[in-house]
Amino acid sequence: MNDVYDYFDELNLMPSHSKALLGVLVGKSIVNMKKVGQYNETSLLNDFHVTKEKLFEVANIPVHIELDDGSVLRVFKSTRRCSLTVDVVDRNTDHEPLSCLDQLKSDPSWKEIIGKKINSIEILTATDSRSEYMQSINERALVFNLEGGFSFNISTMFARGTPSDLVIMRELSPSENLVTHYSTNKITG
């Protein structure tokens, strides 16, 4: 019975089932973005040859986006659904967060998103019929379009050449995409 509850409860966390939650975020400003959880820094640096300033982007742990109204959106992955999931959480954590403002573990360009308002959020859903995950939800990326033309995405199993399957990137480069066909669902508030 518990597995059935978890299965359907997880479905409610899919971005397409959380459009009202995502819509409320439109118009709010980003105060900070963090990854919160345990990650193996040594493995990322040595085994995957990631530079230290890329740790924020590739650490395979949930993303917390802190907004100017005090709310925190958590984006994490559902392996079972081959998809991202979203919910709202408290700022308090049991782990030392990895912040986009960290001068050692984050690229300095991430500071540019701080204070920017969210104009829209796009849900990218894989529709490639060749995908081995076609029976899954496949909501693989969220693209946050910000004021001033800035954007970033949080994706799972979307980009090639990344050491984890939950990454944050400034752009989705077609040459790096694992998913060749996808649909877009834009939320504007």
Foldseek 3Di string as FASTA:
>chain_A
DVVVVVVVVQVCQACVNCLVVQLVQFFWAFAWKWFDDDFDPVCCCPVLVDAQQCCRFFGQGWMWTATPVGWIKIWHDDPVQLGIGIDIDHPDDPGDIGICVPPGRHDPVSVVRGGWGFQKKKFKAFDPPVDPNVVHRRSFKIWTQTPPRFIKMWGAQFFPSGPHRTGIGRDDDCVGTPGNDIDMDMRRD
